[in-house]
């Protein structure tokens, strides 16, 4: 799979690190371990199909990107800079 970085152009997947869904639930209040923290950290959705994910281009321009792709087929629909909004 290749991602088309808006700053660097088409790059091999190995240059990027996925960081999960582009839109996360808010962090629970407090610093003490709780059931809310357990759910936040360990019980996230893992949808099959089209989704937006946050990726880091660590071996390139070091930009944070929002990648819209199908998690079942790995088809990439769009790649944009996270700094441009939407995350």
N, C-alpha and C. Protein backbone atom coordinates (compact mmCIF):
# COMPACT_ATOMS: atom_id res chain seq x y z
N UNK A 1 0.85 -1.17 0.00
CA UNK A 1 0.00 0.00 0.00
C UNK A 1 0.90 1.24 0.00
N UNK A 2 0.48 2.25 -0.72
CA UNK A 2 1.19 3.52 -0.77
C UNK A 2 0.23 4.63 -0.35
N UNK A 3 0.78 5.63 0.31
CA UNK A 3 -0.01 6.81 0.66
C UNK A 3 0.55 8.01 -0.08
N UNK A 4 -0.33 8.86 -0.55
CA UNK A 4 0.06 10.05 -1.30
C UNK A 4 0.13 11.23 -0.33
N UNK A 5 1.29 11.43 0.28
CA UNK A 5 1.48 12.52 1.24
C UNK A 5 1.29 13.85 0.52
N UNK A 6 0.48 14.77 1.08
CA UNK A 6 0.28 16.07 0.43
C UNK A 6 1.56 16.89 0.30
N UNK A 7 2.57 16.61 1.14
CA UNK A 7 3.82 17.37 1.09
C UNK A 7 4.93 16.66 0.33
N UNK A 8 4.95 15.33 0.38
CA UNK A 8 6.07 14.55 -0.19
C UNK A 8 5.69 13.77 -1.45
N UNK A 9 4.41 13.61 -1.72
CA UNK A 9 3.98 12.80 -2.85
C UNK A 9 3.81 11.34 -2.45
N UNK A 10 3.66 10.45 -3.44
CA UNK A 10 3.43 9.02 -3.14
C UNK A 10 4.62 8.41 -2.39
N UNK A 11 4.30 7.71 -1.29
CA UNK A 11 5.33 7.10 -0.45
C UNK A 11 4.90 5.70 -0.03
N UNK A 12 5.88 4.86 0.26
CA UNK A 12 5.63 3.51 0.74
C UNK A 12 5.03 3.56 2.15
N UNK A 13 4.17 2.63 2.44
CA UNK A 13 3.49 2.56 3.73
C UNK A 13 4.46 2.52 4.91
N UNK A 14 5.63 1.94 4.72
CA UNK A 14 6.60 1.80 5.82
C UNK A 14 7.10 3.13 6.36
N UNK A 15 6.86 4.24 5.65
CA UNK A 15 7.27 5.56 6.15
C UNK A 15 6.29 6.12 7.16
N UNK A 16 5.13 5.50 7.31
CA UNK A 16 4.04 6.05 8.12
C UNK A 16 3.74 5.16 9.32
N UNK A 17 3.18 5.78 10.36
CA UNK A 17 2.73 5.06 11.54
C UNK A 17 1.26 5.40 11.77
N UNK A 18 0.38 4.38 11.77
CA UNK A 18 -1.03 4.66 12.04
C UNK A 18 -1.24 4.93 13.53
N UNK A 19 -2.14 5.84 13.84
CA UNK A 19 -2.41 6.19 15.23
C UNK A 19 -3.87 6.00 15.62
N UNK A 20 -4.66 5.35 14.78
CA UNK A 20 -6.05 5.07 15.13
C UNK A 20 -7.03 6.01 14.47
N UNK A 21 -8.25 5.96 14.94
CA UNK A 21 -9.33 6.76 14.37
C UNK A 21 -9.01 8.24 14.46
N UNK A 22 -9.42 8.99 13.44
CA UNK A 22 -9.13 10.42 13.41
C UNK A 22 -9.95 11.18 14.45
N UNK A 23 -11.09 10.64 14.83
CA UNK A 23 -11.93 11.28 15.83
C UNK A 23 -12.07 10.32 17.01
N UNK A 24 -11.53 10.71 18.14
CA UNK A 24 -11.57 9.86 19.34
C UNK A 24 -12.58 10.41 20.33
N UNK A 25 -13.07 9.54 21.15
CA UNK A 25 -13.91 9.96 22.26
C UNK A 25 -13.05 10.78 23.23
N UNK A 26 -13.69 11.65 23.96
CA UNK A 26 -12.96 12.46 24.94
C UNK A 26 -12.39 11.58 26.04
N UNK A 27 -11.24 11.99 26.55
CA UNK A 27 -10.59 11.26 27.64
C UNK A 27 -11.42 11.38 28.90
N UNK A 28 -11.48 10.32 29.68
CA UNK A 28 -12.21 10.38 30.96
C UNK A 28 -11.55 11.37 31.92
N UNK A 29 -12.33 11.87 32.84
CA UNK A 29 -11.82 12.79 33.86
C UNK A 29 -10.98 12.03 34.88
N UNK A 30 -10.04 12.71 35.49
CA UNK A 30 -9.26 12.14 36.57
C UNK A 30 -8.09 11.30 36.10
N UNK A 31 -7.18 11.05 37.02
CA UNK A 31 -5.98 10.28 36.72
C UNK A 31 -6.01 8.89 37.34
N UNK A 32 -7.01 8.59 38.14
CA UNK A 32 -7.12 7.30 38.81
C UNK A 32 -7.77 6.29 37.87
N UNK A 33 -7.25 5.06 37.88
CA UNK A 33 -7.81 4.01 37.03
C UNK A 33 -9.28 3.79 37.36
N UNK A 34 -10.09 3.68 36.31
CA UNK A 34 -11.52 3.48 36.50
C UNK A 34 -12.07 2.68 35.33
N UNK A 35 -13.32 2.29 35.43
CA UNK A 35 -14.00 1.58 34.35
C UNK A 35 -14.05 2.46 33.09
N UNK A 36 -14.20 3.77 33.28
CA UNK A 36 -14.23 4.69 32.14
C UNK A 36 -12.89 4.68 31.39
N UNK A 37 -11.77 4.64 32.16
CA UNK A 37 -10.45 4.56 31.53
C UNK A 37 -10.27 3.23 30.80
N UNK A 38 -10.73 2.15 31.40
CA UNK A 38 -10.64 0.84 30.75
C UNK A 38 -11.35 0.87 29.40
N UNK A 39 -12.56 1.39 29.37
CA UNK A 39 -13.31 1.47 28.11
C UNK A 39 -12.61 2.37 27.10
N UNK A 40 -12.08 3.49 27.56
CA UNK A 40 -11.42 4.44 26.67
C UNK A 40 -10.17 3.84 26.02
N UNK A 41 -9.40 3.09 26.79
CA UNK A 41 -8.13 2.56 26.29
C UNK A 41 -8.25 1.22 25.57
N UNK A 42 -9.17 0.37 25.99
CA UNK A 42 -9.16 -1.01 25.52
C UNK A 42 -10.38 -1.45 24.72
N UNK A 43 -11.47 -0.73 24.80
CA UNK A 43 -12.70 -1.18 24.15
C UNK A 43 -13.15 -0.22 23.06
N UNK A 44 -12.27 0.03 22.13
CA UNK A 44 -12.59 0.94 21.03
C UNK A 44 -13.22 0.18 19.87
N UNK A 45 -13.98 0.91 19.07
CA UNK A 45 -14.55 0.32 17.87
C UNK A 45 -13.45 -0.03 16.89
N UNK A 46 -13.65 -1.08 16.13
CA UNK A 46 -12.73 -1.48 15.08
C UNK A 46 -13.58 -1.77 13.83
N UNK A 47 -14.07 -0.70 13.21
CA UNK A 47 -15.03 -0.89 12.12
C UNK A 47 -14.38 -1.46 10.85
N UNK A 48 -15.13 -2.30 10.17
CA UNK A 48 -14.71 -2.77 8.85
C UNK A 48 -15.41 -1.87 7.84
N UNK A 49 -14.65 -1.33 6.92
CA UNK A 49 -15.22 -0.44 5.92
C UNK A 49 -14.54 0.91 5.92
N UNK A 50 -15.22 1.87 5.37
CA UNK A 50 -14.66 3.21 5.17
C UNK A 50 -14.54 3.94 6.51
N UNK A 51 -13.35 4.48 6.76
CA UNK A 51 -13.12 5.24 7.99
C UNK A 51 -12.00 6.25 7.78
N UNK A 52 -11.90 7.19 8.71
CA UNK A 52 -10.81 8.17 8.70
C UNK A 52 -9.87 7.84 9.84
N UNK A 53 -8.56 7.81 9.53
CA UNK A 53 -7.55 7.46 10.51
C UNK A 53 -6.46 8.53 10.55
N UNK A 54 -5.85 8.66 11.69
CA UNK A 54 -4.73 9.58 11.87
C UNK A 54 -3.44 8.81 11.65
N UNK A 55 -2.58 9.30 10.76
CA UNK A 55 -1.29 8.67 10.45
C UNK A 55 -0.19 9.71 10.60
N UNK A 56 0.99 9.25 11.02
CA UNK A 56 2.16 10.12 11.20
C UNK A 56 3.22 9.75 10.17
N UNK A 57 3.72 10.74 9.43
CA UNK A 57 4.75 10.52 8.41
C UNK A 57 6.13 10.71 9.05
N UNK A 58 6.50 9.79 9.92
CA UNK A 58 7.73 9.89 10.69
C UNK A 58 9.01 9.75 9.89
N UNK A 59 8.98 9.01 8.79
CA UNK A 59 10.19 8.83 7.97
C UNK A 59 10.17 9.74 6.76
N UNK A 60 9.42 10.81 6.88
CA UNK A 60 9.32 11.78 5.78
C UNK A 60 9.28 13.18 6.35
N UNK A 61 8.20 13.88 6.06
CA UNK A 61 8.06 15.29 6.43
C UNK A 61 7.62 15.50 7.88
N UNK A 62 7.32 14.46 8.61
CA UNK A 62 6.85 14.46 9.99
C UNK A 62 5.47 15.11 10.16
N UNK A 63 4.69 15.12 9.10
CA UNK A 63 3.34 15.68 9.17
C UNK A 63 2.36 14.65 9.71
N UNK A 64 1.31 15.15 10.36
CA UNK A 64 0.19 14.31 10.77
C UNK A 64 -0.84 14.38 9.65
N UNK A 65 -1.34 13.23 9.26
CA UNK A 65 -2.26 13.13 8.12
C UNK A 65 -3.55 12.46 8.52
N UNK A 66 -4.63 12.82 7.85
CA UNK A 66 -5.90 12.11 7.98
C UNK A 66 -6.05 11.31 6.70
N UNK A 67 -6.10 9.99 6.86
CA UNK A 67 -6.22 9.08 5.72
C UNK A 67 -7.62 8.48 5.74
N UNK A 68 -8.35 8.69 4.66
CA UNK A 68 -9.66 8.06 4.52
C UNK A 68 -9.46 6.81 3.69
N UNK A 69 -9.78 5.65 4.29
CA UNK A 69 -9.55 4.39 3.60
C UNK A 69 -10.58 3.35 4.04
N UNK A 70 -10.64 2.29 3.26
CA UNK A 70 -11.49 1.15 3.60
C UNK A 70 -10.63 0.17 4.37
N UNK A 71 -10.99 -0.11 5.62
CA UNK A 71 -10.18 -0.99 6.46
C UNK A 71 -10.26 -2.45 6.04
N UNK A 72 -11.24 -2.80 5.22
CA UNK A 72 -11.37 -4.19 4.76
C UNK A 72 -10.56 -4.43 3.49
N UNK A 73 -10.57 -3.45 2.57
CA UNK A 73 -9.88 -3.63 1.29
C UNK A 73 -8.56 -2.86 1.20
N UNK A 74 -8.32 -1.95 2.13
CA UNK A 74 -7.14 -1.07 2.17
C UNK A 74 -7.14 -0.04 1.03
N UNK A 75 -8.25 0.13 0.34
CA UNK A 75 -8.34 1.17 -0.69
C UNK A 75 -8.28 2.54 -0.02
N UNK A 76 -7.40 3.42 -0.51
CA UNK A 76 -7.25 4.76 0.02
C UNK A 76 -8.07 5.72 -0.83
N UNK A 77 -8.93 6.51 -0.18
CA UNK A 77 -9.79 7.46 -0.89
C UNK A 77 -9.21 8.87 -0.87
N UNK A 78 -8.59 9.25 0.25
CA UNK A 78 -8.00 10.59 0.33
C UNK A 78 -6.97 10.65 1.45
N UNK A 79 -6.04 11.58 1.30
CA UNK A 79 -5.03 11.87 2.32
C UNK A 79 -4.93 13.38 2.41
N UNK A 80 -5.09 13.91 3.62
CA UNK A 80 -4.98 15.36 3.81
C UNK A 80 -4.21 15.66 5.09
N UNK A 81 -3.70 16.86 5.19
CA UNK A 81 -2.99 17.27 6.38
C UNK A 81 -3.97 17.44 7.55
N UNK A 82 -3.63 16.88 8.70
CA UNK A 82 -4.49 17.02 9.87
C UNK A 82 -4.57 18.49 10.29
N UNK A 83 -3.52 19.27 10.03
CA UNK A 83 -3.51 20.67 10.40
C UNK A 83 -4.56 21.49 9.65
N UNK A 84 -5.05 20.95 8.54
CA UNK A 84 -6.07 21.64 7.77
C UNK A 84 -7.46 21.44 8.34
N UNK A 85 -7.56 20.66 9.41
CA UNK A 85 -8.83 20.46 10.09
C UNK A 85 -9.45 19.12 9.79
N UNK A 86 -10.45 18.81 10.54
CA UNK A 86 -11.17 17.58 10.35
C UNK A 86 -10.82 16.51 11.34
N UNK A 87 -9.83 16.73 12.19
CA UNK A 87 -9.49 15.70 13.19
C UNK A 87 -9.91 16.16 14.56
